[in-house]
Amino acid sequence: MSLPQKTSPCRVVSDSGLLETGFKNSRQILELTGYGVKAVTAAPDVMDGLVRNAAIDTAIAQFAEDFQGLAGEGIFFTKPGTTIKI
């Protein structure tokens, strides 16, 4: 496996194909998927960075507002860690 220098500190461990690294952010994981890496072990905060997106949160809030306009108040939506009352 040949990795670009900018993904340091990564190195392939012998012939096992294992990649030894210390991920600092989710972007590093995304870059490596382009090189065929199929699985990683990373700290929870780094993994959280893969699924958190301000645009998604904004879209959910806008959907809830639009739904309220159509269905009226009193409907509840939930997502992990959040309850949205309309």
Foldseek 3Di string as FASTA:
>chain_A
DDDDPVLPPWDQDPPPRDIDHADPALVSVVVCVVVVDDDDDYDPVRVVRVVDDVVVVVVVVVVVVVVCVVPNFQDWDDDVPDIDGD
